[in-house]
């Protein structure tokens, strides 16, 4: 006799898998950009949940007998998804740090437009680097590493176990500091360029105080900055992709 007793357990497992993966996708770079319609991200989360459920179904136990138990495990799955998604999103902020520093050294801090990845105003150089970073993540198949991190998150954070708040906080601090450090490393050549350029302008203004150095230096600063960006862009993005893969790999077994 055919029964359908398996349906409640299957629906319960799918709900938990979807809770974790949807929370990740809504925050992850490349897969969860604000420029991607919410409906598309929802469909991607559903598709990945269907694919991932047979692989991770064994990680979940039986349906909790009480409502508080059910609420706890659902909230735990959402919290894990939000943490991993936020950690991955923090790595992308390295490009915003680098872009803002580069724009400041090129005197383009006030050149702003809408950042499609953030949905708000941003510095032009930072927006360009952010969009280029997302494009290169797909071009180099690093989005596969993000999907692998979703699967291996079940080995790092097993369902039903207490949330490791201490580990979460330590990892968040490491991600924030690492992202800021990576942004400074990307912008280091422009910091040196700005130091040398403004030092030269200062000496020149002392030698020829009757000349309005500012009006001469501004176009030269922008032109030289763009030339330097053109020469270093490939190396900068390669360095970023290596750092991105390194940090995301911490979630991959």
Protein backbone atom coordinates (compact mmCIF):
# COMPACT_ATOMS: atom_id res chain seq x y z
CA UNK A 1 0.00 0.00 0.00
CA UNK A 2 1.39 3.38 -1.04
CA UNK A 3 1.45 6.04 1.65
CA UNK A 4 2.40 9.68 1.66
CA UNK A 5 3.88 9.75 5.15
CA UNK A 6 7.14 11.05 3.73
CA UNK A 7 5.59 14.31 2.54
CA UNK A 8 5.68 16.26 5.87
CA UNK A 9 9.33 15.36 6.42
CA UNK A 10 10.22 16.26 2.82
CA UNK A 11 8.41 19.60 3.05
CA UNK A 12 10.11 20.31 6.38
CA UNK A 13 13.56 19.55 4.95
CA UNK A 14 12.95 21.66 1.85
CA UNK A 15 11.76 24.58 3.97
CA UNK A 16 14.96 24.50 6.03
CA UNK A 17 17.23 24.16 3.00
CA UNK A 18 15.43 27.04 1.30
CA UNK A 19 15.69 29.18 4.46
CA UNK A 20 19.47 28.85 4.54
CA UNK A 21 20.16 29.16 0.81
CA UNK A 22 17.72 32.02 0.21
CA UNK A 23 19.31 34.04 3.02
CA UNK A 24 22.73 33.45 1.46
CA UNK A 25 21.68 34.32 -2.09
CA UNK A 26 19.98 37.56 -1.07
CA UNK A 27 23.30 38.84 0.32
CA UNK A 28 26.03 37.08 -1.65
CA UNK A 29 28.00 39.00 -4.27
CA UNK A 30 27.40 38.17 -7.94
CA UNK A 31 24.40 35.93 -7.17
CA UNK A 32 22.52 38.41 -4.99
CA UNK A 33 23.25 41.82 -6.48
CA UNK A 34 20.62 44.49 -5.91
CA UNK A 35 20.45 45.03 -9.68
CA UNK A 36 19.09 41.47 -10.12
CA UNK A 37 15.28 41.45 -9.72
CA UNK A 38 14.05 39.88 -6.50
CA UNK A 39 11.94 37.42 -8.52
CA UNK A 40 15.05 36.12 -10.29
CA UNK A 41 16.92 35.70 -7.02
CA UNK A 42 13.91 33.89 -5.56
CA UNK A 43 13.77 31.49 -8.51
CA UNK A 44 17.51 30.87 -8.19
CA UNK A 45 17.08 30.11 -4.49
CA UNK A 46 14.24 27.67 -5.23
CA UNK A 47 16.26 25.96 -7.99
CA UNK A 48 19.35 25.59 -5.81
CA UNK A 49 17.20 24.30 -2.96
CA UNK A 50 15.75 21.57 -5.18
CA UNK A 51 19.24 20.60 -6.34
CA UNK A 52 20.84 20.79 -2.90
CA UNK A 53 18.12 19.04 -0.88
CA UNK A 54 19.06 15.43 -1.83
CA UNK A 55 22.68 16.17 -0.89
CA UNK A 56 22.00 17.62 2.56
CA UNK A 57 18.72 15.97 3.58
CA UNK A 58 20.63 13.57 5.84
CA UNK A 59 21.85 16.49 7.94
CA UNK A 60 18.35 17.18 9.23
CA UNK A 61 16.55 15.15 11.84
CA UNK A 62 12.87 14.57 12.41
CA UNK A 63 10.32 17.37 12.60
CA UNK A 64 10.44 19.00 16.07
CA UNK A 65 7.50 18.05 18.23
CA UNK A 66 6.96 21.61 19.52
CA UNK A 67 6.44 24.95 17.81
CA UNK A 68 9.35 26.62 19.70
CA UNK A 69 11.63 23.84 18.47
CA UNK A 70 10.49 24.40 14.89
CA UNK A 71 10.95 28.18 15.18
CA UNK A 72 14.43 27.70 16.65
CA UNK A 73 15.74 25.52 13.85
CA UNK A 74 14.25 27.78 11.14
CA UNK A 75 15.78 30.87 12.75
CA UNK A 76 19.10 29.05 13.09
CA UNK A 77 19.14 28.21 9.38
CA UNK A 78 18.33 31.79 8.43
CA UNK A 79 21.03 33.10 10.79
CA UNK A 80 23.67 30.82 9.24
CA UNK A 81 22.63 31.90 5.74
CA UNK A 82 22.73 35.58 6.65
CA UNK A 83 26.15 35.21 8.25
CA UNK A 84 27.76 33.47 5.27
CA UNK A 85 26.10 35.81 2.79
CA UNK A 86 27.19 38.88 4.75
CA UNK A 87 30.74 37.55 5.08
CA UNK A 88 30.95 37.09 1.31
CA UNK A 89 29.47 40.56 0.75
CA UNK A 90 32.11 42.09 3.05
CA UNK A 91 34.84 40.84 0.73
CA UNK A 92 33.34 42.87 -2.12
CA UNK A 93 33.59 45.99 0.01
CA UNK A 94 37.35 45.83 -0.58
CA UNK A 95 36.67 47.20 -4.07
CA UNK A 96 34.66 50.07 -2.59
CA UNK A 97 37.50 50.89 -0.18
CA UNK A 98 40.03 50.78 -3.01
CA UNK A 99 37.79 52.79 -5.34
CA UNK A 100 37.22 55.55 -2.80
CA UNK A 101 40.94 55.84 -2.07
CA UNK A 102 41.81 55.87 -5.78
CA UNK A 103 39.15 58.50 -6.48
CA UNK A 104 40.48 60.68 -3.64
CA UNK A 105 44.01 60.50 -5.02
CA UNK A 106 42.71 61.38 -8.51
CA UNK A 107 40.59 64.30 -7.21
CA UNK A 108 37.41 62.53 -8.33
CA UNK A 109 35.79 62.02 -4.94
CA UNK A 110 32.80 64.16 -5.95
CA UNK A 111 32.26 62.33 -9.26
CA UNK A 112 29.34 60.09 -8.22
CA UNK A 113 26.62 58.04 -9.85
CA UNK A 114 24.22 55.28 -8.86
CA UNK A 115 25.93 52.03 -7.91
CA UNK A 116 23.83 49.17 -9.39
CA UNK A 117 25.29 46.66 -6.93
CA UNK A 118 24.37 48.76 -3.87
CA UNK A 119 21.31 50.65 -5.12
CA UNK A 120 22.64 53.99 -3.90
CA UNK A 121 25.03 56.78 -4.84
CA UNK A 122 28.68 55.87 -4.96
CA UNK A 123 32.03 57.17 -6.17
CA UNK A 124 32.49 56.62 -9.89
CA UNK A 125 35.76 54.68 -9.62
CA UNK A 126 34.39 52.46 -6.82
CA UNK A 127 31.26 51.69 -8.86
CA UNK A 128 33.36 50.76 -11.87
CA UNK A 129 35.59 48.42 -9.85
CA UNK A 130 32.54 46.84 -8.19
CA UNK A 131 30.82 46.10 -11.51
CA UNK A 132 34.09 44.82 -12.98
CA UNK A 133 34.59 42.57 -9.97
CA UNK A 134 31.12 41.02 -10.35
CA UNK A 135 31.73 40.48 -14.07
CA UNK A 136 35.07 38.78 -13.45
CA UNK A 137 33.59 36.52 -10.76
CA UNK A 138 31.26 35.07 -13.39
CA UNK A 139 33.94 35.10 -16.11
CA UNK A 140 36.39 33.12 -13.96
CA UNK A 141 33.72 30.72 -12.61
CA UNK A 142 34.24 31.85 -9.02
CA UNK A 143 30.47 31.77 -8.67
CA UNK A 144 30.93 27.99 -8.50
CA UNK A 145 32.98 28.51 -5.34
CA UNK A 146 30.03 30.40 -3.86
CA UNK A 147 27.73 27.47 -4.61
CA UNK A 148 30.30 25.06 -3.14
CA UNK A 149 30.34 27.21 0.00
CA UNK A 150 26.56 26.77 0.26
CA UNK A 151 26.94 23.00 0.15
CA UNK A 152 29.87 22.81 2.57
CA UNK A 153 28.19 25.16 5.03
CA UNK A 154 26.33 22.06 6.22
CA UNK A 155 29.65 20.58 7.33
CA UNK A 156 30.76 23.74 9.12
CA UNK A 157 27.40 24.65 10.69
CA UNK A 158 25.38 21.50 11.21
CA UNK A 159 21.59 21.96 11.37
CA UNK A 160 20.00 21.75 14.79
CA UNK A 161 23.16 22.53 16.72
CA UNK A 162 23.51 25.75 18.78
CA UNK A 163 24.71 28.75 16.79
CA UNK A 164 28.45 29.34 17.42
CA UNK A 165 28.07 33.02 18.24
CA UNK A 166 31.72 33.36 19.28
CA UNK A 167 32.92 31.87 15.99
CA UNK A 168 30.52 34.12 14.08
CA UNK A 169 31.89 37.24 15.74
CA UNK A 170 35.52 36.17 15.28
CA UNK A 171 34.91 35.42 11.62
CA UNK A 172 33.10 38.74 11.10
CA UNK A 173 36.02 40.67 12.61
CA UNK A 174 38.46 38.74 10.43
CA UNK A 175 36.38 39.43 7.30
CA UNK A 176 36.06 43.17 8.01
CA UNK A 177 39.77 43.60 8.75
CA UNK A 178 40.76 41.43 5.79
CA UNK A 179 38.50 43.35 3.42
CA UNK A 180 39.89 46.70 4.57
CA UNK A 181 43.44 45.40 4.27
CA UNK A 182 42.77 44.08 0.76
CA UNK A 183 41.28 47.43 -0.26
CA UNK A 184 44.37 49.26 0.99
CA UNK A 185 46.64 46.83 -0.86
CA UNK A 186 44.73 47.41 -4.09
CA UNK A 187 44.98 51.19 -3.70
CA UNK A 188 48.63 51.22 -2.52
CA UNK A 189 50.11 52.32 -5.89
CA UNK A 190 47.73 55.27 -5.98
CA UNK A 191 48.63 56.26 -2.42
CA UNK A 192 52.28 56.41 -3.49
CA UNK A 193 51.30 58.31 -6.64
CA UNK A 194 49.27 60.84 -4.64
CA UNK A 195 52.06 61.35 -2.11
CA UNK A 196 54.67 62.00 -4.80
CA UNK A 197 52.37 64.13 -6.95
CA UNK A 198 51.17 66.43 -4.17
CA UNK A 199 54.68 66.69 -2.75
CA UNK A 200 55.88 67.87 -6.15
CA UNK A 201 52.99 70.32 -6.45
CA UNK A 202 53.79 71.71 -3.01
CA UNK A 203 57.44 72.27 -3.92
CA UNK A 204 56.45 73.83 -7.24
CA UNK A 205 54.01 76.22 -5.58
CA UNK A 206 56.80 77.39 -3.26
CA UNK A 207 59.17 77.95 -6.15
CA UNK A 208 56.61 79.80 -8.30
CA UNK A 209 53.98 81.32 -5.96
CA UNK A 210 52.69 83.66 -8.68
CA UNK A 211 51.33 80.73 -10.72
CA UNK A 212 47.96 79.17 -9.88
CA UNK A 213 49.32 75.65 -9.52
CA UNK A 214 45.93 74.20 -8.60
CA UNK A 215 44.40 74.87 -12.02
CA UNK A 216 47.39 73.26 -13.72
CA UNK A 217 47.71 70.32 -11.34
CA UNK A 218 44.06 69.21 -11.36
CA UNK A 219 43.90 68.12 -15.05
CA UNK A 220 47.37 66.57 -14.79
CA UNK A 221 46.37 64.66 -11.66
CA UNK A 222 43.26 63.22 -13.31
CA UNK A 223 45.09 62.33 -16.53
CA UNK A 224 48.00 60.66 -14.76
CA UNK A 225 45.59 58.84 -12.45
CA UNK A 226 43.66 57.38 -15.37
CA UNK A 227 46.89 56.32 -17.09
CA UNK A 228 48.04 54.60 -13.90
CA UNK A 229 44.64 52.92 -13.51
CA UNK A 230 44.83 51.70 -17.11
CA UNK A 231 48.26 50.19 -16.55
CA UNK A 232 47.45 48.55 -13.21
CA UNK A 233 43.81 47.50 -13.65
CA UNK A 234 44.61 43.95 -14.72
CA UNK A 235 46.97 43.37 -11.81
CA UNK A 236 44.56 44.95 -9.31
CA UNK A 237 41.63 42.77 -10.35
CA UNK A 238 43.79 39.63 -10.40
CA UNK A 239 44.90 40.42 -6.85
CA UNK A 240 41.27 40.96 -5.82
CA UNK A 241 40.09 37.68 -7.37
CA UNK A 242 42.83 35.78 -5.54
CA UNK A 243 41.80 37.39 -2.26
CA UNK A 244 38.12 36.72 -2.97
CA UNK A 245 38.78 33.04 -3.65
CA UNK A 246 40.96 32.77 -0.55
CA UNK A 247 38.32 34.17 1.80
CA UNK A 248 35.40 32.28 0.25
CA UNK A 249 37.42 29.05 0.44
CA UNK A 250 37.25 29.29 4.24
CA UNK A 251 33.63 28.13 3.89
CA UNK A 252 34.52 25.33 1.46
CA UNK A 253 35.60 21.97 2.82
